[in-house]
C-alpha atoms as a PDB file:
ATOM      1  CA  UNK A   1     -55.928 110.574  11.099  1.00  0.00           C
ATOM      2  CA  UNK A   2     -57.674 112.859   8.714  1.00  0.00           C
ATOM      3  CA  UNK A   3     -58.784 115.300  11.392  1.00  0.00           C
ATOM      4  CA  UNK A   4     -55.214 115.994  12.492  1.00  0.00           C
ATOM      5  CA  UNK A   5     -54.120 117.033   8.977  1.00  0.00           C
ATOM      6  CA  UNK A   6     -56.914 119.589   8.602  1.00  0.00           C
ATOM      7  CA  UNK A   7     -56.027 122.971  10.152  1.00  0.00           C
ATOM      8  CA  UNK A   8     -58.891 124.477  12.061  1.00  0.00           C
ATOM      9  CA  UNK A   9     -59.885 127.594  13.818  1.00  0.00           C
ATOM     10  CA  UNK A  10     -59.624 131.305  13.377  1.00  0.00           C
ATOM     11  CA  UNK A  11     -55.926 131.237  12.514  1.00  0.00           C
ATOM     12  CA  UNK A  12     -56.505 129.155   9.373  1.00  0.00           C
ATOM     13  CA  UNK A  13     -59.388 131.352   8.274  1.00  0.00           C
ATOM     14  CA  UNK A  14     -57.136 134.412   8.560  1.00  0.00           C
ATOM     15  CA  UNK A  15     -54.379 132.708   6.563  1.00  0.00           C
ATOM     16  CA  UNK A  16     -56.843 131.798   3.782  1.00  0.00           C
ATOM     17  CA  UNK A  17     -58.219 135.358   3.798  1.00  0.00           C
ATOM     18  CA  UNK A  18     -54.698 136.844   3.572  1.00  0.00           C
ATOM     19  CA  UNK A  19     -53.820 134.559   0.663  1.00  0.00           C
ATOM     20  CA  UNK A  20     -57.012 135.490  -1.182  1.00  0.00           C
ATOM     21  CA  UNK A  21     -56.367 139.209  -0.643  1.00  0.00           C
ATOM     22  CA  UNK A  22     -52.784 138.841  -1.936  1.00  0.00           C
ATOM     23  CA  UNK A  23     -54.069 137.015  -5.033  1.00  0.00           C
ATOM     24  CA  UNK A  24     -56.673 139.712  -5.693  1.00  0.00           C
ATOM     25  CA  UNK A  25     -54.133 142.514  -5.196  1.00  0.00           C
ATOM     26  CA  UNK A  26     -51.750 140.799  -7.618  1.00  0.00           C
ATOM     27  CA  UNK A  27     -54.560 140.439 -10.167  1.00  0.00           C
ATOM     28  CA  UNK A  28     -55.522 144.122  -9.767  1.00  0.00           C
ATOM     29  CA  UNK A  29     -51.907 145.235 -10.256  1.00  0.00           C
ATOM     30  CA  UNK A  30     -51.575 143.065 -13.373  1.00  0.00           C
ATOM     31  CA  UNK A  31     -54.851 144.448 -14.744  1.00  0.00           C
ATOM     32  CA  UNK A  32     -53.728 148.041 -14.163  1.00  0.00           C
ATOM     33  CA  UNK A  33     -50.349 147.341 -15.816  1.00  0.00           C
ATOM     34  CA  UNK A  34     -52.072 145.877 -18.875  1.00  0.00           C
ATOM     35  CA  UNK A  35     -54.516 148.803 -19.014  1.00  0.00           C
ATOM     36  CA  UNK A  36     -51.681 151.346 -18.711  1.00  0.00           C
ATOM     37  CA  UNK A  37     -49.646 149.560 -21.387  1.00  0.00           C
ATOM     38  CA  UNK A  38     -52.679 149.604 -23.692  1.00  0.00           C
ATOM     39  CA  UNK A  39     -53.251 153.308 -22.976  1.00  0.00           C
ATOM     40  CA  UNK A  40     -49.576 154.065 -23.671  1.00  0.00           C
ATOM     41  CA  UNK A  41     -49.745 152.172 -26.975  1.00  0.00           C
ATOM     42  CA  UNK A  42     -52.838 154.111 -27.984  1.00  0.00           C
ATOM     43  CA  UNK A  43     -51.125 157.362 -27.063  1.00  0.00           C
ATOM     44  CA  UNK A  44     -48.083 156.532 -29.162  1.00  0.00           C
ATOM     45  CA  UNK A  45     -50.371 155.782 -32.107  1.00  0.00           C
ATOM     46  CA  UNK A  46     -52.085 159.139 -31.688  1.00  0.00           C
ATOM     47  CA  UNK A  47     -48.865 161.074 -31.121  1.00  0.00           C
ATOM     48  CA  UNK A  48     -48.948 162.323 -27.536  1.00  0.00           C
ATOM     49  CA  UNK A  49     -51.255 162.404 -24.558  1.00  0.00           C
ATOM     50  CA  UNK A  50     -53.582 165.238 -23.915  1.00  0.00           C
ATOM     51  CA  UNK A  51     -54.307 166.463 -20.434  1.00  0.00           C
ATOM     52  CA  UNK A  52     -57.804 164.985 -20.656  1.00  0.00           C
ATOM     53  CA  UNK A  53     -56.436 161.522 -21.526  1.00  0.00           C
ATOM     54  CA  UNK A  54     -54.379 161.692 -18.324  1.00  0.00           C
ATOM     55  CA  UNK A  55     -57.498 162.649 -16.399  1.00  0.00           C
ATOM     56  CA  UNK A  56     -59.425 159.737 -17.906  1.00  0.00           C
ATOM     57  CA  UNK A  57     -56.725 157.384 -16.656  1.00  0.00           C
ATOM     58  CA  UNK A  58     -56.947 158.957 -13.220  1.00  0.00           C
ATOM     59  CA  UNK A  59     -60.761 158.713 -13.170  1.00  0.00           C
ATOM     60  CA  UNK A  60     -60.471 155.003 -14.001  1.00  0.00           C
ATOM     61  CA  UNK A  61     -58.267 154.572 -10.947  1.00  0.00           C
ATOM     62  CA  UNK A  62     -60.679 156.617  -8.835  1.00  0.00           C
ATOM     63  CA  UNK A  63     -63.531 154.384 -10.021  1.00  0.00           C
ATOM     64  CA  UNK A  64     -61.745 151.326  -8.644  1.00  0.00           C
ATOM     65  CA  UNK A  65     -61.606 153.019  -5.245  1.00  0.00           C
ATOM     66  CA  UNK A  66     -65.150 154.454  -5.383  1.00  0.00           C
ATOM     67  CA  UNK A  67     -63.875 158.037  -5.126  1.00  0.00           C
ATOM     68  CA  UNK A  68     -66.596 159.724  -7.139  1.00  0.00           C
ATOM     69  CA  UNK A  69     -66.141 163.139  -5.494  1.00  0.00           C
ATOM     70  CA  UNK A  70     -62.553 163.306  -6.737  1.00  0.00           C
ATOM     71  CA  UNK A  71     -63.702 162.287 -10.217  1.00  0.00           C
ATOM     72  CA  UNK A  72     -66.218 165.144 -10.215  1.00  0.00           C
ATOM     73  CA  UNK A  73     -63.484 167.509  -9.118  1.00  0.00           C
ATOM     74  CA  UNK A  74     -61.295 166.430 -12.045  1.00  0.00           C
ATOM     75  CA  UNK A  75     -64.219 166.994 -14.401  1.00  0.00           C
ATOM     76  CA  UNK A  76     -64.794 170.481 -12.988  1.00  0.00           C
ATOM     77  CA  UNK A  77     -61.159 171.427 -13.704  1.00  0.00           C
ATOM     78  CA  UNK A  78     -61.720 171.101 -17.455  1.00  0.00           C
ATOM     79  CA  UNK A  79     -63.183 174.058 -19.308  1.00  0.00           C
ATOM     80  CA  UNK A  80     -64.538 171.839 -22.097  1.00  0.00           C
ATOM     81  CA  UNK A  81     -64.360 168.164 -21.096  1.00  0.00           C
ATOM     82  CA  UNK A  82     -64.491 165.697 -23.960  1.00  0.00           C
ATOM     83  CA  UNK A  83     -66.979 162.822 -24.223  1.00  0.00           C
ATOM     84  CA  UNK A  84     -64.404 160.279 -23.041  1.00  0.00           C
ATOM     85  CA  UNK A  85     -63.749 162.124 -19.771  1.00  0.00           C
ATOM     86  CA  UNK A  86     -67.449 162.689 -19.141  1.00  0.00           C
ATOM     87  CA  UNK A  87     -68.212 158.991 -19.777  1.00  0.00           C
ATOM     88  CA  UNK A  88     -65.439 157.972 -17.378  1.00  0.00           C
ATOM     89  CA  UNK A  89     -66.926 160.198 -14.657  1.00  0.00           C
ATOM     90  CA  UNK A  90     -70.409 158.781 -15.340  1.00  0.00           C
ATOM     91  CA  UNK A  91     -68.951 155.285 -14.958  1.00  0.00           C
ATOM     92  CA  UNK A  92     -67.219 156.250 -11.703  1.00  0.00           C
ATOM     93  CA  UNK A  93     -70.441 157.646 -10.238  1.00  0.00           C
ATOM     94  CA  UNK A  94     -72.450 154.666 -11.464  1.00  0.00           C
ATOM     95  CA  UNK A  95     -69.968 152.192 -10.001  1.00  0.00           C
ATOM     96  CA  UNK A  96     -70.135 154.096  -6.705  1.00  0.00           C
ATOM     97  CA  UNK A  97     -73.949 153.807  -6.814  1.00  0.00           C
ATOM     98  CA  UNK A  98     -74.498 157.547  -6.879  1.00  0.00           C
ATOM     99  CA  UNK A  99     -77.389 157.667  -9.358  1.00  0.00           C
ATOM    100  CA  UNK A 100     -78.277 161.342  -8.859  1.00  0.00           C
ATOM    101  CA  UNK A 101     -74.735 162.457  -9.578  1.00  0.00           C
ATOM    102  CA  UNK A 102     -74.382 160.056 -12.511  1.00  0.00           C
ATOM    103  CA  UNK A 103     -77.639 161.357 -14.018  1.00  0.00           C
ATOM    104  CA  UNK A 104     -76.513 164.964 -13.578  1.00  0.00           C
ATOM    105  CA  UNK A 105     -73.214 164.354 -15.389  1.00  0.00           C
ATOM    106  CA  UNK A 106     -74.973 162.260 -18.048  1.00  0.00           C
ATOM    107  CA  UNK A 107     -77.641 164.916 -18.676  1.00  0.00           C
ATOM    108  CA  UNK A 108     -74.977 167.636 -18.987  1.00  0.00           C
ATOM    109  CA  UNK A 109     -73.219 165.737 -21.788  1.00  0.00           C
ATOM    110  CA  UNK A 110     -73.670 167.685 -25.035  1.00  0.00           C
ATOM    111  CA  UNK A 111     -73.000 164.557 -27.084  1.00  0.00           C
ATOM    112  CA  UNK A 112     -73.870 161.257 -25.451  1.00  0.00           C
ATOM    113  CA  UNK A 113     -71.902 158.198 -26.524  1.00  0.00           C
ATOM    114  CA  UNK A 114     -72.762 154.511 -26.506  1.00  0.00           C
ATOM    115  CA  UNK A 115     -70.236 154.127 -23.717  1.00  0.00           C
ATOM    116  CA  UNK A 116     -72.068 156.632 -21.508  1.00  0.00           C
ATOM    117  CA  UNK A 117     -75.410 154.982 -22.261  1.00  0.00           C
ATOM    118  CA  UNK A 118     -73.920 151.606 -21.367  1.00  0.00           C
ATOM    119  CA  UNK A 119     -72.677 152.859 -17.986  1.00  0.00           C
ATOM    120  CA  UNK A 120     -76.142 154.198 -17.189  1.00  0.00           C
ATOM    121  CA  UNK A 121     -77.828 150.945 -18.284  1.00  0.00           C
ATOM    122  CA  UNK A 122     -75.482 148.930 -16.068  1.00  0.00           C
ATOM    123  CA  UNK A 123     -76.196 151.181 -13.085  1.00  0.00           C
ATOM    124  CA  UNK A 124     -79.949 151.058 -13.629  1.00  0.00           C
ATOM    125  CA  UNK A 125     -79.789 147.281 -14.009  1.00  0.00           C
ATOM    126  CA  UNK A 126     -77.963 146.967 -10.701  1.00  0.00           C
ATOM    127  CA  UNK A 127     -80.669 149.138  -9.136  1.00  0.00           C
ATOM    128  CA  UNK A 128     -83.411 147.072 -10.853  1.00  0.00           C
ATOM    129  CA  UNK A 129     -84.860 150.181 -12.550  1.00  0.00           C
ATOM    130  CA  UNK A 130     -85.599 148.673 -15.955  1.00  0.00           C
ATOM    131  CA  UNK A 131     -88.359 151.208 -16.639  1.00  0.00           C
ATOM    132  CA  UNK A 132     -85.676 153.879 -16.982  1.00  0.00           C
ATOM    133  CA  UNK A 133     -83.609 151.525 -19.152  1.00  0.00           C
ATOM    134  CA  UNK A 134     -86.467 151.532 -21.658  1.00  0.00           C
ATOM    135  CA  UNK A 135     -86.406 155.350 -21.647  1.00  0.00           C
ATOM    136  CA  UNK A 136     -82.654 155.348 -22.344  1.00  0.00           C
ATOM    137  CA  UNK A 137     -83.166 152.996 -25.279  1.00  0.00           C
ATOM    138  CA  UNK A 138     -85.807 155.325 -26.719  1.00  0.00           C
ATOM    139  CA  UNK A 139     -83.460 158.285 -26.259  1.00  0.00           C
ATOM    140  CA  UNK A 140     -80.663 156.392 -28.024  1.00  0.00           C
ATOM    141  CA  UNK A 141     -82.945 155.631 -30.945  1.00  0.00           C
ATOM    142  CA  UNK A 142     -84.002 159.286 -31.139  1.00  0.00           C
ATOM    143  CA  UNK A 143     -80.337 160.304 -31.413  1.00  0.00           C
ATOM    144  CA  UNK A 144     -79.750 157.720 -34.121  1.00  0.00           C
ATOM    145  CA  UNK A 145     -77.463 155.546 -31.998  1.00  0.00           C
ATOM    146  CA  UNK A 146     -77.784 151.830 -32.610  1.00  0.00           C
ATOM    147  CA  UNK A 147     -77.058 149.470 -29.707  1.00  0.00           C
ATOM    148  CA  UNK A 148     -73.988 147.291 -30.114  1.00  0.00           C
ATOM    149  CA  UNK A 149     -73.152 143.941 -28.546  1.00  0.00           C
ATOM    150  CA  UNK A 150     -71.998 145.589 -25.306  1.00  0.00           C
ATOM    151  CA  UNK A 151     -75.316 147.404 -24.900  1.00  0.00           C
ATOM    152  CA  UNK A 152     -77.234 144.197 -25.637  1.00  0.00           C
ATOM    153  CA  UNK A 153     -75.237 142.325 -23.011  1.00  0.00           C
ATOM    154  CA  UNK A 154     -75.927 145.037 -20.439  1.00  0.00           C
ATOM    155  CA  UNK A 155     -79.623 144.927 -21.335  1.00  0.00           C
ATOM    156  CA  UNK A 156     -79.745 141.172 -20.801  1.00  0.00           C
ATOM    157  CA  UNK A 157     -78.123 141.562 -17.391  1.00  0.00           C
ATOM    158  CA  UNK A 158     -80.422 144.468 -16.433  1.00  0.00           C
ATOM    159  CA  UNK A 159     -83.611 142.647 -17.369  1.00  0.00           C
ATOM    160  CA  UNK A 160     -82.243 139.413 -15.941  1.00  0.00           C
ATOM    161  CA  UNK A 161     -81.852 141.117 -12.565  1.00  0.00           C
ATOM    162  CA  UNK A 162     -85.631 141.586 -12.428  1.00  0.00           C
ATOM    163  CA  UNK A 163     -86.356 138.181 -13.992  1.00  0.00           C
ATOM    164  CA  UNK A 164     -88.123 139.715 -16.980  1.00  0.00           C
ATOM    165  CA  UNK A 165     -86.975 137.564 -19.869  1.00  0.00           C
ATOM    166  CA  UNK A 166     -89.986 138.478 -21.999  1.00  0.00           C
ATOM    167  CA  UNK A 167     -88.977 142.136 -22.022  1.00  0.00           C
ATOM    168  CA  UNK A 168     -85.392 141.198 -22.871  1.00  0.00           C
ATOM    169  CA  UNK A 169     -86.568 139.352 -25.956  1.00  0.00           C
ATOM    170  CA  UNK A 170     -88.978 142.099 -27.024  1.00  0.00           C
ATOM    171  CA  UNK A 171     -86.239 144.703 -26.587  1.00  0.00           C
ATOM    172  CA  UNK A 172     -83.774 142.677 -28.636  1.00  0.00           C
ATOM    173  CA  UNK A 173     -86.362 142.224 -31.409  1.00  0.00           C
ATOM    174  CA  UNK A 174     -86.837 145.984 -31.801  1.00  0.00           C
END
């Protein structure tokens, strides 16, 4: 009957887990190939890859593996890291849930970008620290940076994590 056709037990659970892991690994490899192809196209448009662009690519890979210490090491190797490299390291630290390190790198940025602000907002939202998100928004406004659709999406997620829809709407109205 029906019961005989349904595999049971630990063996089947392991098979399903292995299949899921293979699917996820295949998806990750495809994503990295697409990202590398996009990076290579951008490089060809700009006429060559700088050393820092290579480091940004490496920091992105480190982020996937939560290797924030290695990302900091790469940042320390540059005499004058550009905003893109600094933002990538902030993202790596934020993704690894290392708020102190992420704040240190963020605060050391001479010129903060929307991308860096977005990484910090995402991290603070995951930590449910929306009070600090408000401070970042005020700092952005003081620097003359206007939030874009990515920032607004991150704000909605951050305030949604603490179930504060009223503050989301008031923030969006400003």
